[in-house]
Amino acid sequence: YDVRVRMADEQRRDLESFDGIYVPSTNSGTGMV
């Protein structure tokens, strides 16, 4: 069986759940966005 990692079902019910997710930036001093 494949082991799949993802957000829990209750965290994927609306798009606002993704507002607290950060991605790295390549600009120096910016950090996470």
PDB file of all heavy atoms in Angstrom:
ATOM      1  N   TYR A   1       0.849  -1.188   0.000  1.00  0.00           N
ATOM      2  CA  TYR A   1       0.000   0.000   0.000  1.00  0.00           C
ATOM      3  C   TYR A   1       0.889   1.244   0.000  1.00  0.00           C
ATOM      4  O   TYR A   1       1.890   1.294   0.714  1.00  0.00           O
ATOM      5  CB  TYR A   1      -0.921   0.028   1.219  1.00  0.00           C
ATOM      6  CG  TYR A   1      -1.809  -1.199   1.326  1.00  0.00           C
ATOM      7  CD1 TYR A   1      -1.400  -2.312   2.073  1.00  0.00           C
ATOM      8  CD2 TYR A   1      -3.035  -1.236   0.682  1.00  0.00           C
ATOM      9  CE1 TYR A   1      -2.204  -3.438   2.164  1.00  0.00           C
ATOM     10  CE2 TYR A   1      -3.841  -2.358   0.774  1.00  0.00           C
ATOM     11  CZ  TYR A   1      -3.430  -3.458   1.512  1.00  0.00           C
ATOM     12  OH  TYR A   1      -4.221  -4.564   1.594  1.00  0.00           O
ATOM     13  N   ASP A   2       0.517   2.226  -0.836  1.00  0.00           N
ATOM     14  CA  ASP A   2       1.267   3.480  -0.869  1.00  0.00           C
ATOM     15  C   ASP A   2       1.000   4.276   0.398  1.00  0.00           C
ATOM     16  O   ASP A   2      -0.130   4.327   0.905  1.00  0.00           O
ATOM     17  CB  ASP A   2       0.864   4.314  -2.085  1.00  0.00           C
ATOM     18  CG  ASP A   2       1.335   3.683  -3.389  1.00  0.00           C
ATOM     19  OD1 ASP A   2       2.316   2.909  -3.353  1.00  0.00           O
ATOM     20  OD2 ASP A   2       0.707   3.982  -4.437  1.00  0.00           O
ATOM     21  N   VAL A   3       2.046   4.901   0.887  1.00  0.00           N
ATOM     22  CA  VAL A   3       1.935   5.805   2.036  1.00  0.00           C
ATOM     23  C   VAL A   3       1.963   7.229   1.485  1.00  0.00           C
ATOM     24  O   VAL A   3       2.962   7.677   0.936  1.00  0.00           O
ATOM     25  CB  VAL A   3       3.083   5.581   3.037  1.00  0.00           C
ATOM     26  CG1 VAL A   3       2.968   6.570   4.193  1.00  0.00           C
ATOM     27  CG2 VAL A   3       3.081   4.138   3.552  1.00  0.00           C
ATOM     28  N   ARG A   4       0.844   7.912   1.627  1.00  0.00           N
ATOM     29  CA  ARG A   4       0.682   9.249   1.057  1.00  0.00           C
ATOM     30  C   ARG A   4       0.541  10.254   2.192  1.00  0.00           C
ATOM     31  O   ARG A   4      -0.280  10.083   3.096  1.00  0.00           O
ATOM     32  CB  ARG A   4      -0.531   9.298   0.150  1.00  0.00           C
ATOM     33  CG  ARG A   4      -0.745  10.626  -0.560  1.00  0.00           C
ATOM     34  CD  ARG A   4      -1.978  10.554  -1.464  1.00  0.00           C
ATOM     35  NE  ARG A   4      -1.812   9.573  -2.512  1.00  0.00           N
ATOM     36  CZ  ARG A   4      -1.250   9.814  -3.690  1.00  0.00           C
ATOM     37  NH1 ARG A   4      -0.796  11.031  -3.972  1.00  0.00           N
ATOM     38  NH2 ARG A   4      -1.122   8.871  -4.589  1.00  0.00           N
ATOM     39  N   VAL A   5       1.334  11.305   2.108  1.00  0.00           N
ATOM     40  CA  VAL A   5       1.298  12.360   3.121  1.00  0.00           C
ATOM     41  C   VAL A   5       0.568  13.572   2.528  1.00  0.00           C
ATOM     42  O   VAL A   5       0.925  14.052   1.451  1.00  0.00           O
ATOM     43  CB  VAL A   5       2.719  12.753   3.564  1.00  0.00           C
ATOM     44  CG1 VAL A   5       2.675  13.913   4.558  1.00  0.00           C
ATOM     45  CG2 VAL A   5       3.421  11.550   4.167  1.00  0.00           C
ATOM     46  N   ARG A   6      -0.450  14.079   3.236  1.00  0.00           N
ATOM     47  CA  ARG A   6      -1.184  15.260   2.806  1.00  0.00           C
ATOM     48  C   ARG A   6      -1.878  15.854   4.018  1.00  0.00           C
ATOM     49  O   ARG A   6      -1.843  15.297   5.112  1.00  0.00           O
ATOM     50  CB  ARG A   6      -2.200  14.912   1.729  1.00  0.00           C
ATOM     51  CG  ARG A   6      -3.330  14.011   2.206  1.00  0.00           C
ATOM     52  CD  ARG A   6      -4.271  13.662   1.076  1.00  0.00           C
ATOM     53  NE  ARG A   6      -5.397  12.863   1.555  1.00  0.00           N
ATOM     54  CZ  ARG A   6      -6.313  12.316   0.765  1.00  0.00           C
ATOM     55  NH1 ARG A   6      -6.209  12.491  -0.554  1.00  0.00           N
ATOM     56  NH2 ARG A   6      -7.310  11.620   1.281  1.00  0.00           N
ATOM     57  N   MET A   7      -2.533  16.980   3.803  1.00  0.00           N
ATOM     58  CA  MET A   7      -3.253  17.630   4.888  1.00  0.00           C
ATOM     59  C   MET A   7      -4.466  16.783   5.273  1.00  0.00           C
ATOM     60  O   MET A   7      -5.025  16.045   4.463  1.00  0.00           O
ATOM     61  CB  MET A   7      -3.719  19.029   4.458  1.00  0.00           C
ATOM     62  CG  MET A   7      -2.587  20.005   4.179  1.00  0.00           C
ATOM     63  SD  MET A   7      -3.174  21.620   3.620  1.00  0.00           S
ATOM     64  CE  MET A   7      -4.046  22.175   5.081  1.00  0.00           C
ATOM     65  N   ALA A   8      -4.857  16.912   6.533  1.00  0.00           N
ATOM     66  CA  ALA A   8      -6.009  16.160   7.016  1.00  0.00           C
ATOM     67  C   ALA A   8      -7.273  16.630   6.290  1.00  0.00           C
ATOM     68  O   ALA A   8      -7.340  17.733   5.738  1.00  0.00           O
ATOM     69  CB  ALA A   8      -6.166  16.336   8.524  1.00  0.00           C
ATOM     70  N   ASP A   9      -8.297  15.774   6.278  1.00  0.00           N
ATOM     71  CA  ASP A   9      -9.527  16.099   5.554  1.00  0.00           C
ATOM     72  C   ASP A   9     -10.171  17.372   6.072  1.00  0.00           C
ATOM     73  O   ASP A   9     -10.673  18.185   5.294  1.00  0.00           O
ATOM     74  CB  ASP A   9     -10.514  14.936   5.657  1.00  0.00           C
ATOM     75  CG  ASP A   9     -10.024  13.705   4.886  1.00  0.00           C
ATOM     76  OD1 ASP A   9      -9.160  13.886   4.000  1.00  0.00           O
ATOM     77  OD2 ASP A   9     -10.508  12.595   5.162  1.00  0.00           O
ATOM     78  N   GLU A  10     -10.177  17.585   7.383  1.00  0.00           N
ATOM     79  CA  GLU A  10     -10.813  18.791   7.922  1.00  0.00           C
ATOM     80  C   GLU A  10     -10.037  20.056   7.589  1.00  0.00           C
ATOM     81  O   GLU A  10     -10.575  21.163   7.669  1.00  0.00           O
ATOM     82  CB  GLU A  10     -10.966  18.675   9.439  1.00  0.00           C
ATOM     83  CG  GLU A  10      -9.679  18.484  10.208  1.00  0.00           C
ATOM     84  CD  GLU A  10      -9.277  17.018  10.346  1.00  0.00           C
ATOM     85  OE1 GLU A  10      -9.910  16.169   9.664  1.00  0.00           O
ATOM     86  OE2 GLU A  10      -8.348  16.731  11.113  1.00  0.00           O
ATOM     87  N   GLN A  11      -8.764  19.889   7.194  1.00  0.00           N
ATOM     88  CA  GLN A  11      -7.967  21.053   6.801  1.00  0.00           C
ATOM     89  C   GLN A  11      -8.083  21.368   5.298  1.00  0.00           C
ATOM     90  O   GLN A  11      -7.524  22.365   4.849  1.00  0.00           O
ATOM     91  CB  GLN A  11      -6.485  20.811   7.146  1.00  0.00           C
ATOM     92  CG  GLN A  11      -6.219  20.681   8.630  1.00  0.00           C
ATOM     93  CD  GLN A  11      -4.770  20.356   8.911  1.00  0.00           C
ATOM     94  OE1 GLN A  11      -4.141  19.583   8.178  1.00  0.00           O
ATOM     95  NE2 GLN A  11      -4.232  20.940   9.975  1.00  0.00           N
ATOM     96  N   ARG A  12      -8.803  20.525   4.562  1.00  0.00           N
ATOM     97  CA  ARG A  12      -8.921  20.716   3.117  1.00  0.00           C
ATOM     98  C   ARG A  12     -10.356  21.015   2.686  1.00  0.00           C
ATOM     99  O   ARG A  12     -10.708  20.837   1.546  1.00  0.00           O
ATOM    100  CB  ARG A  12      -8.434  19.465   2.369  1.00  0.00           C
ATOM    101  CG  ARG A  12      -6.973  19.150   2.609  1.00  0.00           C
ATOM    102  CD  ARG A  12      -6.478  17.972   1.785  1.00  0.00           C
ATOM    103  NE  ARG A  12      -7.170  16.730   2.123  1.00  0.00           N
ATOM    104  CZ  ARG A  12      -7.853  16.001   1.244  1.00  0.00           C
ATOM    105  NH1 ARG A  12      -7.926  16.394  -0.009  1.00  0.00           N
ATOM    106  NH2 ARG A  12      -8.460  14.899   1.634  1.00  0.00           N
ATOM    107  N   ARG A  13     -11.155  21.500   3.618  1.00  0.00           N
ATOM    108  CA  ARG A  13     -12.565  21.740   3.319  1.00  0.00           C
ATOM    109  C   ARG A  13     -12.804  23.103   2.667  1.00  0.00           C
ATOM    110  O   ARG A  13     -13.800  23.307   2.005  1.00  0.00           O
ATOM    111  CB  ARG A  13     -13.394  21.624   4.589  1.00  0.00           C
ATOM    112  CG  ARG A  13     -13.453  20.184   5.128  1.00  0.00           C
ATOM    113  CD  ARG A  13     -14.230  20.112   6.411  1.00  0.00           C
ATOM    114  NE  ARG A  13     -14.290  18.739   6.905  1.00  0.00           N
ATOM    115  CZ  ARG A  13     -14.827  18.386   8.071  1.00  0.00           C
ATOM    116  NH1 ARG A  13     -15.347  19.333   8.858  1.00  0.00           N
ATOM    117  NH2 ARG A  13     -14.845  17.125   8.450  1.00  0.00           N
ATOM    118  N   ASP A  14     -11.901  24.051   2.835  1.00  0.00           N
ATOM    119  CA  ASP A  14     -12.058  25.353   2.212  1.00  0.00           C
ATOM    120  C   ASP A  14     -10.671  25.904   1.890  1.00  0.00           C
ATOM    121  O   ASP A  14      -9.651  25.430   2.402  1.00  0.00           O
ATOM    122  CB  ASP A  14     -12.823  26.325   3.120  1.00  0.00           C
ATOM    123  CG  ASP A  14     -12.245  26.378   4.523  1.00  0.00           C
ATOM    124  OD1 ASP A  14     -11.030  26.627   4.654  1.00  0.00           O
ATOM    125  OD2 ASP A  14     -13.002  26.178   5.486  1.00  0.00           O
ATOM    126  N   LEU A  15     -10.648  26.926   1.022  1.00  0.00           N
ATOM    127  CA  LEU A  15      -9.373  27.489   0.586  1.00  0.00           C
ATOM    128  C   LEU A  15      -8.686  28.298   1.668  1.00  0.00           C
ATOM    129  O   LEU A  15      -7.475  28.530   1.587  1.00  0.00           O
ATOM    130  CB  LEU A  15      -9.601  28.365  -0.653  1.00  0.00           C
ATOM    131  CG  LEU A  15     -10.142  27.648  -1.899  1.00  0.00           C
ATOM    132  CD1 LEU A  15     -10.262  28.643  -3.049  1.00  0.00           C
ATOM    133  CD2 LEU A  15      -9.236  26.487  -2.298  1.00  0.00           C
ATOM    134  N   GLU A  16      -9.438  28.764   2.660  1.00  0.00           N
ATOM    135  CA  GLU A  16      -8.811  29.542   3.734  1.00  0.00           C
ATOM    136  C   GLU A  16      -7.839  28.704   4.544  1.00  0.00           C
ATOM    137  O   GLU A  16      -6.998  29.242   5.281  1.00  0.00           O
ATOM    138  CB  GLU A  16      -9.885  30.124   4.651  1.00  0.00           C
ATOM    139  CG  GLU A  16     -10.610  31.338   4.089  1.00  0.00           C
ATOM    140  CD  GLU A  16     -11.545  30.985   2.950  1.00  0.00           C
ATOM    141  OE1 GLU A  16     -11.861  29.778   2.794  1.00  0.00           O
ATOM    142  OE2 GLU A  16     -11.956  31.893   2.199  1.00  0.00           O
ATOM    143  N   SER A  17      -7.934  27.374   4.440  1.00  0.00           N
ATOM    144  CA  SER A  17      -7.021  26.512   5.191  1.00  0.00           C
ATOM    145  C   SER A  17      -5.582  26.653   4.716  1.00  0.00           C
ATOM    146  O   SER A  17      -4.645  26.318   5.440  1.00  0.00           O
ATOM    147  CB  SER A  17      -7.460  25.040   5.064  1.00  0.00           C
ATOM    148  OG  SER A  17      -8.787  24.867   5.526  1.00  0.00           O
ATOM    149  N   PHE A  18      -5.400  27.162   3.493  1.00  0.00           N
ATOM    150  CA  PHE A  18      -4.056  27.284   2.938  1.00  0.00           C
ATOM    151  C   PHE A  18      -3.408  28.636   3.252  1.00  0.00           C
ATOM    152  O   PHE A  18      -2.262  28.860   2.875  1.00  0.00           O
ATOM    153  CB  PHE A  18      -4.099  27.093   1.413  1.00  0.00           C
ATOM    154  CG  PHE A  18      -4.546  25.724   0.986  1.00  0.00           C
ATOM    155  CD1 PHE A  18      -5.876  25.476   0.711  1.00  0.00           C
ATOM    156  CD2 PHE A  18      -3.639  24.682   0.876  1.00  0.00           C
ATOM    157  CE1 PHE A  18      -6.296  24.219   0.306  1.00  0.00           C
ATOM    158  CE2 PHE A  18      -4.043  23.427   0.474  1.00  0.00           C
ATOM    159  CZ  PHE A  18      -5.378  23.183   0.197  1.00  0.00           C
ATOM    160  N   ASP A  19      -4.154  29.527   3.914  1.00  0.00           N
ATOM    161  CA  ASP A  19      -3.595  30.851   4.160  1.00  0.00           C
ATOM    162  C   ASP A  19      -2.388  30.817   5.089  1.00  0.00           C
ATOM    163  O   ASP A  19      -1.495  31.664   5.000  1.00  0.00           O
ATOM    164  CB  ASP A  19      -4.678  31.768   4.752  1.00  0.00           C
ATOM    165  CG  ASP A  19      -5.749  32.094   3.727  1.00  0.00           C
ATOM    166  OD1 ASP A  19      -5.493  31.880   2.529  1.00  0.00           O
ATOM    167  OD2 ASP A  19      -6.845  32.544   4.118  1.00  0.00           O
ATOM    168  N   GLY A  20      -2.338  29.846   5.948  1.00  0.00           N
ATOM    169  CA  GLY A  20      -1.221  29.771   6.902  1.00  0.00           C
ATOM    170  C   GLY A  20      -0.040  28.988   6.396  1.00  0.00           C
ATOM    171  O   GLY A  20       0.894  28.721   7.177  1.00  0.00           O
ATOM    172  N   ILE A  21      -0.038  28.623   5.132  1.00  0.00           N
ATOM    173  CA  ILE A  21       1.063  27.855   4.556  1.00  0.00           C
ATOM    174  C   ILE A  21       2.089  28.831   3.985  1.00  0.00           C
ATOM    175  O   ILE A  21       1.740  29.831   3.352  1.00  0.00           O
ATOM    176  CB  ILE A  21       0.561  26.903   3.466  1.00  0.00           C
ATOM    177  CG1 ILE A  21      -0.533  25.975   4.022  1.00  0.00           C
ATOM    178  CG2 ILE A  21       1.705  26.085   2.891  1.00  0.00           C
ATOM    179  CD1 ILE A  21      -0.068  25.102   5.155  1.00  0.00           C
ATOM    180  N   TYR A  22       3.358  28.535   4.204  1.00  0.00           N
ATOM    181  CA  TYR A  22       4.443  29.402   3.749  1.00  0.00           C
ATOM    182  C   TYR A  22       5.328  28.645   2.774  1.00  0.00           C
ATOM    183  O   TYR A  22       5.506  27.417   2.881  1.00  0.00           O
ATOM    184  CB  TYR A  22       5.277  29.892   4.931  1.00  0.00           C
ATOM    185  CG  TYR A  22       4.561  30.881   5.808  1.00  0.00           C
ATOM    186  CD1 TYR A  22       3.673  30.440   6.792  1.00  0.00           C
ATOM    187  CD2 TYR A  22       4.760  32.249   5.660  1.00  0.00           C
ATOM    188  CE1 TYR A  22       3.004  31.344   7.612  1.00  0.00           C
ATOM    189  CE2 TYR A  22       4.099  33.156   6.470  1.00  0.00           C
ATOM    190  CZ  TYR A  22       3.222  32.703   7.446  1.00  0.00           C
ATOM    191  OH  TYR A  22       2.550  33.606   8.240  1.00  0.00           O
ATOM    192  N   VAL A  23       5.895  29.387   1.829  1.00  0.00           N
ATOM    193  CA  VAL A  23       6.838  28.827   0.868  1.00  0.00           C
ATOM    194  C   VAL A  23       8.110  29.662   0.925  1.00  0.00           C
ATOM    195  O   VAL A  23       8.068  30.870   1.241  1.00  0.00           O
ATOM    196  CB  VAL A  23       6.259  28.825  -0.557  1.00  0.00           C
ATOM    197  CG1 VAL A  23       5.088  27.850  -0.670  1.00  0.00           C
ATOM    198  CG2 VAL A  23       5.805  30.219  -0.973  1.00  0.00           C
ATOM    199  N   PRO A  24       9.250  29.055   0.617  1.00  0.00           N
ATOM    200  CA  PRO A  24      10.512  29.807   0.709  1.00  0.00           C
ATOM    201  C   PRO A  24      10.673  30.793  -0.442  1.00  0.00           C
ATOM    202  O   PRO A  24      10.152  30.596  -1.539  1.00  0.00           O
ATOM    203  CB  PRO A  24      11.569  28.705   0.655  1.00  0.00           C
ATOM    204  CG  PRO A  24      10.915  27.586  -0.079  1.00  0.00           C
ATOM    205  CD  PRO A  24       9.475  27.617   0.300  1.00  0.00           C
ATOM    206  N   SER A  25      11.381  31.876  -0.165  1.00  0.00           N
ATOM    207  CA  SER A  25      11.667  32.901  -1.155  1.00  0.00           C
ATOM    208  C   SER A  25      13.149  32.896  -1.479  1.00  0.00           C
ATOM    209  O   SER A  25      13.990  32.606  -0.624  1.00  0.00           O
ATOM    210  CB  SER A  25      11.239  34.273  -0.635  1.00  0.00           C
ATOM    211  OG  SER A  25      11.693  35.306  -1.485  1.00  0.00           O
ATOM    212  N   THR A  26      13.474  33.227  -2.704  1.00  0.00           N
ATOM    213  CA  THR A  26      14.871  33.296  -3.130  1.00  0.00           C
ATOM    214  C   THR A  26      15.489  34.657  -2.842  1.00  0.00           C
ATOM    215  O   THR A  26      16.706  34.823  -2.988  1.00  0.00           O
ATOM    216  CB  THR A  26      14.975  32.997  -4.635  1.00  0.00           C
ATOM    217  OG1 THR A  26      14.166  33.929  -5.348  1.00  0.00           O
ATOM    218  CG2 THR A  26      14.498  31.577  -4.944  1.00  0.00           C
ATOM    219  N   ASN A  27      14.665  35.647  -2.470  1.00  0.00           N
ATOM    220  CA  ASN A  27      15.201  36.965  -2.139  1.00  0.00           C
ATOM    221  C   ASN A  27      15.849  36.923  -0.766  1.00  0.00           C
ATOM    222  O   ASN A  27      15.282  36.376   0.197  1.00  0.00           O
ATOM    223  CB  ASN A  27      14.094  38.026  -2.149  1.00  0.00           C
ATOM    224  CG  ASN A  27      13.548  38.252  -3.545  1.00  0.00           C
ATOM    225  OD1 ASN A  27      14.179  37.864  -4.526  1.00  0.00           O
ATOM    226  ND2 ASN A  27      12.377  38.873  -3.631  1.00  0.00           N
ATOM    227  N   SER A  28      17.026  37.507  -0.699  1.00  0.00           N
ATOM    228  CA  SER A  28      17.712  37.542   0.592  1.00  0.00           C
ATOM    229  C   SER A  28      16.974  38.468   1.545  1.00  0.00           C
ATOM    230  O   SER A  28      16.581  39.582   1.206  1.00  0.00           O
ATOM    231  CB  SER A  28      19.159  38.036   0.413  1.00  0.00           C
ATOM    232  OG  SER A  28      19.175  39.313  -0.184  1.00  0.00           O
ATOM    233  N   GLY A  29      16.740  37.993   2.758  1.00  0.00           N
ATOM    234  CA  GLY A  29      16.060  38.805   3.759  1.00  0.00           C
ATOM    235  C   GLY A  29      14.556  38.648   3.773  1.00  0.00           C
ATOM    236  O   GLY A  29      13.887  39.125   4.701  1.00  0.00           O
ATOM    237  N   THR A  30      13.997  37.997   2.743  1.00  0.00           N
ATOM    238  CA  THR A  30      12.540  37.835   2.717  1.00  0.00           C
ATOM    239  C   THR A  30      12.104  36.641   3.534  1.00  0.00           C
ATOM    240  O   THR A  30      11.093  36.681   4.234  1.00  0.00           O
ATOM    241  CB  THR A  30      12.053  37.690   1.262  1.00  0.00           C
ATOM    242  OG1 THR A  30      12.464  38.831   0.516  1.00  0.00           O
ATOM    243  CG2 THR A  30      10.539  37.565   1.204  1.00  0.00           C
ATOM    244  N   GLY A  31      12.854  35.550   3.471  1.00  0.00           N
ATOM    245  CA  GLY A  31      12.515  34.371   4.249  1.00  0.00           C
ATOM    246  C   GLY A  31      11.350  33.616   3.646  1.00  0.00           C
ATOM    247  O   GLY A  31      11.332  33.328   2.450  1.00  0.00           O
ATOM    248  N   MET A  32      10.338  33.364   4.466  1.00  0.00           N
ATOM    249  CA  MET A  32       9.167  32.615   4.037  1.00  0.00           C
ATOM    250  C   MET A  32       8.025  33.577   3.697  1.00  0.00           C
ATOM    251  O   MET A  32       7.866  34.618   4.324  1.00  0.00           O
ATOM    252  CB  MET A  32       8.720  31.648   5.128  1.00  0.00           C
ATOM    253  CG  MET A  32       9.810  30.691   5.611  1.00  0.00           C
ATOM    254  SD  MET A  32      10.343  29.542   4.326  1.00  0.00           S
ATOM    255  CE  MET A  32       8.912  28.477   4.264  1.00  0.00           C
ATOM    256  N   VAL A  33       7.240  33.184   2.692  1.00  0.00           N
ATOM    257  CA  VAL A  33       6.125  34.012   2.218  1.00  0.00           C
ATOM    258  C   VAL A  33       4.857  33.185   2.299  1.00  0.00           C
ATOM    259  O   VAL A  33       4.823  32.020   1.865  1.00  0.00           O
ATOM    260  CB  VAL A  33       6.357  34.495   0.779  1.00  0.00           C
ATOM    261  CG1 VAL A  33       5.190  35.372   0.311  1.00  0.00           C
ATOM    262  CG2 VAL A  33       7.669  35.248   0.670  1.00  0.00           C
TER     263      VAL A  33
END
